[in-house]
Amino acid sequence: MKLFNHITLSVMLMLPVLGLAQNDSKYGDTPEQQTLCKEALSVYKSYKKQKNYGEAYQQWKKACDVCPESVQESLYADGATFLKAEIKVAKKAGDDARQAVLIDSLMWAYDKRMELFPSTKKKPNNRCHTLGRKASDQYKFFKSEPEVAYAMFKESLDCIEAKSSASTLSGYYATSFYTMKAINKEDKVKGAEMKTQMLTDYLRLMEYANTAIAAANGKEKTINSYVSAKENIEKIFTTIAKCDEMVPVLQASVDASPEDLNLKRKVLSLLVNRECTENDLFLPVATAVYEVEPSAEAAYAIGMGYAKQSNFSESFKYIEEAVMNCDTCPEQVTYLLKAGQIASALKRPSTAKRYARQVLAIDNASAEAYMLIGDAIAGSSKACSGNKIGGRIVYLVAHDYYAKAKRMNPELAKTADTKMSNMQKQFPTVDDVFAVGVNAGDTYTVDDSGSCPCNGESTVVRVR
């Protein structure tokens, strides 16, 4: 029993020593090398904390000389930071030769990091993350060779997908664009194939960015970086995406995954943002999304789709849904105006006027609302035929509203002038007004007892 305890105690006492020796072995093969390596690492990191990157770079080179290659990943991560700082110094000094050497060293640091630390506990795909960083600098320093950086970005992106950095997402799309342009000069067919790939890549990249933003836990700097990446991707996309080219690609994606609601959401957003709604894809996708997730935005999009097909009855149904589901949303005025305009197209002047009045209750300076009321009244001469001056009274009142819209918004002047001219052609004659004891220039209040939408409106009598 005593012998067992003695042996056990001896082993326990040795464990920390063995552990220490094992930990120290990564710093070198001999105690001397281990000491030199630890000191070199400590010195350069001390300068790094002070943000004295110039001195840190000098001490970092010493660490590279005395430490084993695999001492720690930070040796290469820090090295990239210092080398980029030195590249800026060389560029500012106009030293192109030194700049070229430093850029080569930067690429070496990335390669070593990927070779020695392809996987870590925190990042099983560490090589892919590092490759994305290398690609960003490859593109930065070798703009004339976008295809090289593109290949790196693509490998990194395919590997880690939504965990890609913001710079990888935007860099991938930028290099895709310039690689596509270069390919297109040599081979139009392959250039067209890559353009098609870019159209579908857009959806994937935006999804990855949105996923990253959702996972950022409110970190403003991270969120802003992905928002910026999305804006950069959007700018490139708008330069290549024409509706007629985009729809077949999106249609093929939907056909390949007909049950993928997430895909349909993205396709719908893309079609709406690009105002690409006059096609056979838009309405089925919009309706499918709306049935699962009814919203004012989706209802409005569907309503607009039907309006462009001149199916105003179906359009009005969805536009009214948008209005009802948008009590105080930012698009409320837009929805109300459109509901009124569709009602007017359906020859429902009282409904059109009601929606216009709702707009004016929110924005009493809405020239579009006054124009809408003019349209509603102009189309209701039959409803006002019981009036003493007959249905022609509506043309006087409509003219007043068009004139008011013109005064409020000069941009509507041309449209308003055309409508006013048409109204003047329908004004009552001198005989019409004389027959009811009214003279031109008199103020007249409409008092028809029927459904005339301008009941109670006052206007100055004019004749043609």
Protein backbone atom coordinates (compact mmCIF):
# COMPACT_ATOMS: atom_id res chain seq x y z
CA MET A 1 0.00 0.00 0.00
CA LYS A 2 2.82 2.39 0.94
CA LEU A 3 4.73 1.46 -2.23
CA PHE A 4 1.63 2.21 -4.37
CA ASN A 5 1.14 5.59 -2.74
CA HIS A 6 4.79 6.46 -3.25
CA ILE A 7 4.66 5.59 -6.95
CA THR A 8 1.36 7.43 -7.44
CA LEU A 9 2.70 10.54 -5.74
CA SER A 10 5.84 10.45 -7.88
CA VAL A 11 3.80 10.24 -11.11
CA MET A 12 1.52 13.06 -9.99
CA LEU A 13 4.50 15.27 -9.22
CA MET A 14 5.97 14.56 -12.64
CA LEU A 15 2.80 15.40 -14.60
CA PRO A 16 3.09 19.20 -14.43
CA VAL A 17 6.75 18.98 -15.44
CA LEU A 18 5.94 16.73 -18.38
CA GLY A 19 3.03 18.98 -19.33
CA LEU A 20 5.25 22.05 -19.19
CA ALA A 21 7.89 20.37 -21.31
CA GLN A 22 5.25 19.32 -23.81
CA ASN A 23 3.84 22.85 -24.03
CA ASP A 24 7.32 24.37 -24.38
CA SER A 25 8.26 22.00 -27.17
CA LYS A 26 6.24 24.02 -29.67
CA TYR A 27 8.63 26.94 -29.12
CA GLY A 28 11.67 24.97 -30.19
CA ASP A 29 13.76 21.82 -29.87
CA THR A 30 16.12 23.16 -27.22
CA PRO A 31 15.64 25.28 -24.10
CA GLU A 32 17.73 27.99 -25.72
CA GLN A 33 15.52 28.13 -28.84
CA GLN A 34 12.38 28.02 -26.69
CA THR A 35 13.57 30.99 -24.65
CA LEU A 36 14.51 33.02 -27.74
CA CYS A 37 11.19 32.23 -29.42
CA LYS A 38 9.11 33.20 -26.39
CA GLU A 39 11.01 36.45 -26.02
CA ALA A 40 10.63 37.32 -29.70
CA LEU A 41 6.91 36.64 -29.63
CA SER A 42 6.46 38.66 -26.46
CA VAL A 43 8.40 41.65 -27.81
CA TYR A 44 6.56 41.93 -31.13
CA LYS A 45 3.18 41.48 -29.46
CA SER A 46 4.05 44.22 -27.01
CA TYR A 47 4.65 46.63 -29.91
CA LYS A 48 1.46 45.39 -31.56
CA LYS A 49 -0.57 46.34 -28.48
CA GLN A 50 0.92 49.82 -28.73
CA LYS A 51 -0.07 49.86 -32.44
CA ASN A 52 3.56 50.54 -33.28
CA TYR A 53 3.40 48.33 -36.35
CA GLY A 54 6.72 49.52 -37.77
CA GLU A 55 8.71 48.21 -34.80
CA ALA A 56 6.36 45.25 -34.41
CA TYR A 57 7.21 44.24 -37.98
CA GLN A 58 10.94 44.25 -37.24
CA GLN A 59 10.50 42.14 -34.10
CA TRP A 60 8.03 39.86 -35.90
CA LYS A 61 10.72 39.01 -38.48
CA LYS A 62 12.99 37.95 -35.62
CA ALA A 63 10.24 35.71 -34.28
CA CYS A 64 9.92 34.12 -37.73
CA ASP A 65 13.66 33.44 -37.71
CA VAL A 66 13.92 31.84 -34.26
CA CYS A 67 10.52 30.13 -33.80
CA PRO A 68 9.34 26.87 -35.34
CA GLU A 69 6.96 27.43 -38.27
CA SER A 70 4.02 25.91 -36.43
CA VAL A 71 4.51 27.79 -33.16
CA GLN A 72 1.09 29.52 -33.34
CA GLU A 73 -1.41 30.71 -35.94
CA SER A 74 -1.22 34.30 -34.71
CA LEU A 75 2.35 34.51 -36.04
CA TYR A 76 0.90 34.57 -39.57
CA ALA A 77 -2.28 36.50 -38.77
CA ASP A 78 -0.23 39.24 -37.09
CA GLY A 79 2.33 39.09 -39.87
CA ALA A 80 -0.35 39.89 -42.43
CA THR A 81 -1.34 42.95 -40.40
CA PHE A 82 2.25 44.21 -40.18
CA LEU A 83 3.03 43.48 -43.83
CA LYS A 84 -0.02 45.44 -45.02
CA ALA A 85 1.10 48.37 -42.86
CA GLU A 86 4.57 48.19 -44.42
CA ILE A 87 3.07 48.01 -47.91
CA LYS A 88 1.29 51.32 -47.23
CA VAL A 89 4.58 52.87 -46.14
CA ALA A 90 6.37 51.61 -49.26
CA LYS A 91 3.56 52.83 -51.52
CA LYS A 92 3.61 56.27 -49.93
CA ALA A 93 7.37 56.43 -50.43
CA GLY A 94 7.01 55.37 -54.06
CA ASP A 95 9.23 52.32 -53.47
CA ASP A 96 7.68 49.91 -55.97
CA ALA A 97 10.41 47.29 -55.62
CA ARG A 98 9.98 47.01 -51.84
CA GLN A 99 6.21 47.06 -52.22
CA ALA A 100 6.39 44.05 -54.58
CA VAL A 101 8.56 42.11 -52.13
CA LEU A 102 6.21 42.89 -49.24
CA ILE A 103 3.14 41.82 -51.23
CA ASP A 104 4.89 38.54 -52.05
CA SER A 105 5.63 38.09 -48.33
CA LEU A 106 1.97 38.79 -47.50
CA MET A 107 0.84 36.02 -49.83
CA TRP A 108 3.45 33.74 -48.24
CA ALA A 109 1.99 34.50 -44.78
CA TYR A 110 -1.48 33.51 -45.97
CA ASP A 111 -0.18 30.34 -47.60
CA LYS A 112 1.71 29.30 -44.47
CA ARG A 113 -1.32 29.94 -42.29
CA MET A 114 -3.46 27.74 -44.53
CA GLU A 115 -0.82 25.03 -44.72
CA LEU A 116 -0.08 24.83 -41.00
CA PHE A 117 -3.50 25.65 -39.55
CA PRO A 118 -6.15 24.34 -41.97
CA SER A 119 -8.46 23.56 -39.06
CA THR A 120 -8.85 24.84 -35.51
CA LYS A 121 -11.28 24.16 -32.67
CA LYS A 122 -13.11 27.43 -33.28
CA LYS A 123 -12.96 27.20 -37.05
CA PRO A 124 -12.97 23.67 -38.48
CA ASN A 125 -12.77 25.25 -41.96
CA ASN A 126 -10.04 27.68 -40.99
CA ARG A 127 -8.26 27.29 -44.32
CA CYS A 128 -11.37 28.50 -46.16
CA HIS A 129 -11.67 31.59 -43.93
CA THR A 130 -7.99 32.42 -44.51
CA LEU A 131 -8.36 31.86 -48.24
CA GLY A 132 -11.11 34.50 -48.30
CA ARG A 133 -8.72 36.98 -46.68
CA LYS A 134 -5.98 36.12 -49.14
CA ALA A 135 -8.42 36.56 -52.02
CA SER A 136 -9.33 40.06 -50.80
CA ASP A 137 -5.68 41.13 -50.83
CA GLN A 138 -4.97 39.30 -54.07
CA TYR A 139 -7.73 41.35 -55.70
CA LYS A 140 -6.55 44.55 -54.01
CA PHE A 141 -2.96 44.27 -55.21
CA PHE A 142 -3.49 42.53 -58.57
CA LYS A 143 -6.49 44.29 -60.12
CA SER A 144 -5.44 43.23 -63.62
CA GLU A 145 -5.85 39.54 -62.71
CA PRO A 146 -9.40 39.35 -61.29
CA GLU A 147 -9.75 35.72 -62.34
CA VAL A 148 -7.05 34.65 -59.84
CA ALA A 149 -8.81 36.28 -56.91
CA TYR A 150 -12.16 35.03 -58.22
CA ALA A 151 -11.01 31.40 -58.04
CA MET A 152 -9.91 31.93 -54.42
CA PHE A 153 -13.13 33.68 -53.46
CA LYS A 154 -15.20 30.94 -55.07
CA GLU A 155 -13.39 28.15 -53.24
CA SER A 156 -13.75 30.00 -49.93
CA LEU A 157 -17.42 30.85 -50.50
CA ASP A 158 -18.39 27.32 -51.57
CA CYS A 159 -16.70 26.02 -48.45
CA ILE A 160 -18.13 28.22 -45.68
CA GLU A 161 -21.19 29.75 -47.38
CA ALA A 162 -23.12 31.98 -44.94
CA LYS A 163 -20.12 32.17 -42.60
CA SER A 164 -18.15 34.06 -45.23
CA SER A 165 -16.93 37.52 -44.31
CA ALA A 166 -18.57 40.60 -45.78
CA SER A 167 -15.43 41.30 -47.83
CA THR A 168 -15.54 37.80 -49.27
CA LEU A 169 -19.16 38.21 -50.39
CA SER A 170 -18.63 41.55 -52.10
CA GLY A 171 -15.17 40.57 -53.39
CA TYR A 172 -16.51 37.40 -54.95
CA TYR A 173 -19.20 39.29 -56.85
CA ALA A 174 -16.84 42.06 -57.96
CA THR A 175 -14.26 39.60 -59.29
CA SER A 176 -17.07 37.58 -60.91
CA PHE A 177 -18.06 40.70 -62.82
CA TYR A 178 -14.57 41.55 -64.06
CA THR A 179 -13.78 37.91 -64.84
CA MET A 180 -17.03 37.70 -66.82
CA LYS A 181 -16.07 40.82 -68.80
CA ALA A 182 -12.63 39.38 -69.57
CA ILE A 183 -14.08 36.02 -70.65
CA ASN A 184 -16.69 37.74 -72.79
CA LYS A 185 -13.98 39.37 -74.91
CA GLU A 186 -12.64 35.95 -75.88
CA ASP A 187 -15.73 33.75 -75.81
CA LYS A 188 -19.25 35.23 -75.93
CA VAL A 189 -20.88 31.91 -75.07
CA LYS A 190 -18.83 31.35 -71.93
CA GLY A 191 -19.29 35.01 -71.03
CA ALA A 192 -23.06 34.57 -71.25
CA GLU A 193 -22.86 31.44 -69.08
CA MET A 194 -20.98 33.33 -66.41
CA LYS A 195 -23.47 36.18 -66.54
CA THR A 196 -26.24 33.65 -65.94
CA GLN A 197 -24.29 32.33 -62.96
CA MET A 198 -23.98 35.86 -61.59
CA LEU A 199 -27.75 36.30 -61.73
CA THR A 200 -28.32 33.23 -59.57
CA ASP A 201 -25.32 34.02 -57.37
CA TYR A 202 -26.98 37.30 -56.46
CA LEU A 203 -29.76 35.47 -54.62
CA ARG A 204 -27.27 33.27 -52.79
CA LEU A 205 -25.03 36.13 -51.71
CA MET A 206 -27.91 38.24 -50.44
CA GLU A 207 -29.17 35.26 -48.44
CA TYR A 208 -25.72 34.74 -46.90
CA ALA A 209 -25.47 38.43 -46.01
CA ASN A 210 -28.90 38.44 -44.39
CA THR A 211 -28.05 35.31 -42.41
CA ALA A 212 -24.83 36.91 -41.19
CA ILE A 213 -26.65 40.09 -40.16
CA ALA A 214 -29.21 38.04 -38.20
CA ALA A 215 -26.38 36.18 -36.45
CA ALA A 216 -24.46 39.35 -35.58
CA ASN A 217 -26.29 39.76 -32.25
CA GLY A 218 -26.63 43.49 -32.71
CA LYS A 219 -22.89 44.13 -33.29
CA GLU A 220 -23.08 47.38 -35.20
CA LYS A 221 -19.69 47.15 -36.89
CA THR A 222 -20.39 43.65 -38.19
CA ILE A 223 -23.89 44.54 -39.34
CA ASN A 224 -22.65 47.65 -41.15
CA SER A 225 -20.01 45.63 -42.99
CA TYR A 226 -22.61 43.22 -44.37
CA VAL A 227 -25.02 46.04 -45.22
CA SER A 228 -22.20 47.68 -47.17
CA ALA A 229 -21.45 44.38 -48.90
CA LYS A 230 -25.10 44.05 -49.92
CA GLU A 231 -25.05 47.57 -51.38
CA ASN A 232 -21.92 46.78 -53.40
CA ILE A 233 -23.41 43.55 -54.70
CA GLU A 234 -26.65 45.35 -55.57
CA LYS A 235 -24.76 47.98 -57.60
CA ILE A 236 -23.04 45.32 -59.68
CA PHE A 237 -26.24 43.36 -60.10
CA THR A 238 -28.16 46.36 -61.42
CA THR A 239 -25.54 46.83 -64.15
CA ILE A 240 -26.03 43.32 -65.53
CA ALA A 241 -29.60 42.33 -64.67
CA LYS A 242 -32.13 43.06 -67.35
CA CYS A 243 -35.62 41.75 -66.81
CA ASP A 244 -35.73 39.56 -69.92
CA GLU A 245 -32.43 37.93 -68.95
CA MET A 246 -33.28 37.58 -65.29
CA VAL A 247 -36.70 35.92 -65.54
CA PRO A 248 -35.61 32.70 -67.32
CA VAL A 249 -32.86 32.16 -64.74
CA LEU A 250 -35.22 32.73 -61.84
CA GLN A 251 -37.92 30.61 -63.47
CA ALA A 252 -35.47 27.72 -63.81
CA SER A 253 -34.53 28.06 -60.12
CA VAL A 254 -38.19 27.97 -59.05
CA ASP A 255 -38.94 25.04 -61.35
CA ALA A 256 -36.02 23.11 -59.87
CA SER A 257 -37.27 23.69 -56.31
CA PRO A 258 -41.03 24.27 -56.58
CA GLU A 259 -41.63 23.76 -52.84
CA ASP A 260 -38.85 26.11 -51.71
CA LEU A 261 -40.77 29.04 -50.21
CA ASN A 262 -37.56 30.72 -49.14
CA LEU A 263 -36.43 30.82 -52.76
CA LYS A 264 -39.77 32.27 -53.83
CA ARG A 265 -39.43 35.02 -51.22
CA LYS A 266 -36.07 36.00 -52.66
CA VAL A 267 -37.32 35.81 -56.24
CA LEU A 268 -40.33 37.97 -55.37
CA SER A 269 -38.15 40.57 -53.69
CA LEU A 270 -35.85 40.63 -56.70
CA LEU A 271 -38.67 41.01 -59.21
CA VAL A 272 -40.31 43.81 -57.23
CA ASN A 273 -37.06 45.69 -56.64
CA ARG A 274 -36.19 45.52 -60.33
CA GLU A 275 -39.78 46.43 -61.32
CA CYS A 276 -39.86 43.23 -63.31
CA THR A 277 -43.48 42.24 -62.81
CA GLU A 278 -44.86 41.94 -66.34
CA ASN A 279 -44.00 38.28 -66.89
CA ASP A 280 -45.44 34.82 -66.29
CA LEU A 281 -43.25 34.23 -63.22
CA PHE A 282 -44.27 37.17 -61.06
CA LEU A 283 -47.90 36.47 -60.17
CA PRO A 284 -47.53 32.73 -59.34
CA VAL A 285 -44.55 33.46 -57.10
CA ALA A 286 -46.18 36.47 -55.44
CA THR A 287 -49.40 34.57 -54.83
CA ALA A 288 -47.57 31.55 -53.41
CA VAL A 289 -45.72 33.77 -50.92
CA TYR A 290 -48.87 35.72 -50.05
CA GLU A 291 -50.89 32.58 -49.29
CA VAL A 292 -48.36 31.54 -46.66
CA GLU A 293 -47.34 34.99 -45.45
CA PRO A 294 -50.07 37.52 -46.22
CA SER A 295 -48.72 41.04 -45.93
CA ALA A 296 -49.45 44.50 -47.22
CA GLU A 297 -46.29 44.45 -49.34
CA ALA A 298 -47.12 41.13 -51.01
CA ALA A 299 -50.77 42.09 -51.57
CA TYR A 300 -49.71 45.35 -53.19
CA ALA A 301 -47.21 43.56 -55.42
CA ILE A 302 -49.88 41.11 -56.60
CA GLY A 303 -52.36 43.93 -57.14
CA MET A 304 -49.86 45.77 -59.30
CA GLY A 305 -49.20 42.61 -61.26
CA TYR A 306 -52.88 42.24 -62.11
CA ALA A 307 -53.15 45.98 -62.88
CA LYS A 308 -50.43 45.67 -65.50
CA GLN A 309 -52.49 42.89 -67.09
CA SER A 310 -55.51 45.27 -67.03
CA ASN A 311 -57.28 42.82 -64.72
CA PHE A 312 -58.53 45.63 -62.51
CA SER A 313 -61.08 43.60 -60.57
CA GLU A 314 -58.44 41.20 -59.22
CA SER A 315 -56.02 44.08 -58.81
CA PHE A 316 -58.45 46.08 -56.69
CA LYS A 317 -59.08 43.09 -54.40
CA TYR A 318 -55.39 42.81 -53.52
CA ILE A 319 -54.74 46.55 -53.37
CA GLU A 320 -57.58 46.85 -50.85
CA GLU A 321 -55.95 44.03 -48.85
CA ALA A 322 -52.76 46.08 -48.83
CA VAL A 323 -54.67 49.12 -47.56
CA MET A 324 -56.35 47.14 -44.79
CA ASN A 325 -53.05 45.60 -43.65
CA CYS A 326 -51.23 48.92 -43.65
CA ASP A 327 -52.74 51.08 -40.97
CA THR A 328 -49.71 53.28 -40.36
CA CYS A 329 -47.00 51.72 -42.50
CA PRO A 330 -44.67 53.99 -44.54
CA GLU A 331 -46.33 52.93 -47.82
CA GLN A 332 -49.86 53.85 -46.67
CA VAL A 333 -50.25 56.85 -48.99
CA THR A 334 -48.96 54.85 -51.96
CA TYR A 335 -51.46 52.06 -51.30
CA LEU A 336 -54.38 54.46 -50.84
CA LEU A 337 -53.58 56.33 -54.03
CA LYS A 338 -53.29 53.15 -56.03
CA ALA A 339 -56.58 51.83 -54.59
CA GLY A 340 -58.25 55.06 -55.69
CA GLN A 341 -56.73 54.91 -59.16
CA ILE A 342 -57.83 51.32 -59.68
CA ALA A 343 -61.32 52.19 -58.42
CA SER A 344 -61.43 55.02 -60.94
CA ALA A 345 -60.43 52.60 -63.72
CA LEU A 346 -63.30 50.37 -62.58
CA LYS A 347 -65.72 53.32 -62.98
CA ARG A 348 -66.28 53.54 -59.24
CA PRO A 349 -65.87 57.32 -58.78
CA SER A 350 -67.25 57.56 -55.24
CA THR A 351 -64.82 54.88 -54.02
CA ALA A 352 -61.93 56.56 -55.85
CA LYS A 353 -62.80 59.90 -54.28
CA ARG A 354 -63.05 58.30 -50.82
CA TYR A 355 -59.52 56.92 -51.08
CA ALA A 356 -58.22 60.25 -52.35
CA ARG A 357 -59.78 61.99 -49.34
CA GLN A 358 -58.01 59.50 -47.06
CA VAL A 359 -54.74 60.46 -48.70
CA LEU A 360 -55.45 64.16 -48.15
CA ALA A 361 -56.22 63.46 -44.49
CA ILE A 362 -52.61 62.24 -44.20
CA ASP A 363 -51.01 64.65 -46.68
CA ASN A 364 -53.16 67.65 -47.59
CA ALA A 365 -50.60 68.73 -50.19
CA SER A 366 -50.84 65.57 -52.29
CA ALA A 367 -51.21 66.77 -55.88
CA GLU A 368 -51.79 63.15 -56.97
CA ALA A 369 -54.83 62.94 -54.67
CA TYR A 370 -56.35 66.08 -56.18
CA MET A 371 -55.68 64.68 -59.65
CA LEU A 372 -57.40 61.46 -58.62
CA ILE A 373 -60.49 63.34 -57.38
CA GLY A 374 -60.59 65.18 -60.70
CA ASP A 375 -60.51 61.86 -62.57
CA ALA A 376 -63.22 60.38 -60.35
CA ILE A 377 -65.52 63.35 -60.90
CA ALA A 378 -64.78 63.63 -64.63
CA GLY A 379 -65.94 60.08 -65.16
CA SER A 380 -69.27 60.53 -63.38
CA SER A 381 -71.32 62.74 -65.71
CA LYS A 382 -74.15 60.17 -65.83
CA ALA A 383 -74.38 60.04 -62.04
CA CYS A 384 -74.85 63.81 -61.99
CA SER A 385 -77.36 64.08 -64.84
CA GLY A 386 -80.16 65.09 -62.43
CA ASN A 387 -78.44 68.37 -61.74
CA LYS A 388 -80.00 71.55 -63.17
CA ILE A 389 -77.04 72.16 -65.47
CA GLY A 390 -76.99 68.46 -66.25
CA GLY A 391 -73.98 66.17 -66.18
CA ARG A 392 -71.76 68.96 -67.51
CA ILE A 393 -71.34 70.39 -64.03
CA VAL A 394 -68.82 67.62 -63.32
CA TYR A 395 -66.43 69.02 -65.92
CA LEU A 396 -66.30 72.37 -64.12
CA VAL A 397 -65.54 70.73 -60.77
CA ALA A 398 -63.00 68.29 -62.26
CA HIS A 399 -61.25 71.23 -63.96
CA ASP A 400 -60.91 72.90 -60.54
CA TYR A 401 -59.18 69.84 -59.07
CA TYR A 402 -56.80 69.48 -62.00
CA ALA A 403 -55.88 73.15 -61.69
CA LYS A 404 -55.21 72.69 -57.97
CA ALA A 405 -53.00 69.65 -58.64
CA LYS A 406 -51.05 71.67 -61.20
CA ARG A 407 -50.46 74.50 -58.71
CA MET A 408 -49.23 72.05 -56.06
CA ASN A 409 -46.89 70.07 -58.28
CA PRO A 410 -45.48 71.70 -61.45
CA GLU A 411 -44.23 68.27 -62.56
CA LEU A 412 -47.87 67.35 -63.21
CA ALA A 413 -48.45 70.47 -65.34
CA LYS A 414 -48.36 68.75 -68.72
CA THR A 415 -50.79 66.01 -67.64
CA ALA A 416 -53.02 68.49 -65.84
CA ASP A 417 -53.11 70.86 -68.85
CA THR A 418 -54.23 68.02 -71.12
CA LYS A 419 -56.99 67.01 -68.74
CA MET A 420 -58.10 70.62 -68.21
CA SER A 421 -58.27 71.15 -71.95
CA ASN A 422 -60.50 68.08 -72.29
CA MET A 423 -62.76 69.36 -69.52
CA GLN A 424 -63.13 72.79 -71.16
CA LYS A 425 -64.45 71.13 -74.30
CA GLN A 426 -67.29 69.71 -72.18
CA PHE A 427 -68.20 72.91 -70.30
CA PRO A 428 -71.91 73.96 -70.56
CA THR A 429 -72.88 76.44 -73.22
CA VAL A 430 -74.24 79.96 -72.60
CA ASP A 431 -77.71 78.63 -73.39
CA ASP A 432 -77.30 75.75 -70.88
CA VAL A 433 -76.62 78.08 -67.97
CA PHE A 434 -79.07 80.77 -69.08
CA ALA A 435 -81.88 78.19 -69.14
CA VAL A 436 -81.51 77.63 -65.41
CA GLY A 437 -81.05 81.28 -64.52
CA VAL A 438 -77.29 81.16 -63.97
CA ASN A 439 -74.62 83.37 -65.51
CA ALA A 440 -70.97 82.74 -66.29
CA GLY A 441 -68.90 83.84 -63.31
CA ASP A 442 -71.53 82.91 -60.73
CA THR A 443 -70.61 80.59 -57.85
CA TYR A 444 -72.63 77.43 -58.11
CA THR A 445 -73.07 74.65 -55.54
CA VAL A 446 -73.90 71.17 -56.78
CA ASP A 447 -77.04 69.97 -55.04
CA ASP A 448 -77.98 66.86 -56.98
CA SER A 449 -79.88 64.40 -54.81
CA GLY A 450 -78.47 61.33 -56.53
CA SER A 451 -75.06 59.68 -56.29
CA CYS A 452 -73.11 62.47 -57.94
CA PRO A 453 -69.61 62.42 -56.38
CA CYS A 454 -69.39 66.19 -56.43
CA ASN A 455 -72.53 66.82 -54.35
CA GLY A 456 -71.98 69.84 -52.14
CA GLU A 457 -69.00 71.03 -54.21
CA SER A 458 -68.94 74.69 -55.24
CA THR A 459 -67.47 75.97 -58.50
CA VAL A 460 -67.43 79.10 -60.61
CA VAL A 461 -69.66 78.75 -63.67
CA ARG A 462 -67.74 78.84 -66.96
CA VAL A 463 -68.93 78.25 -70.50
CA ARG A 464 -67.24 76.91 -73.61
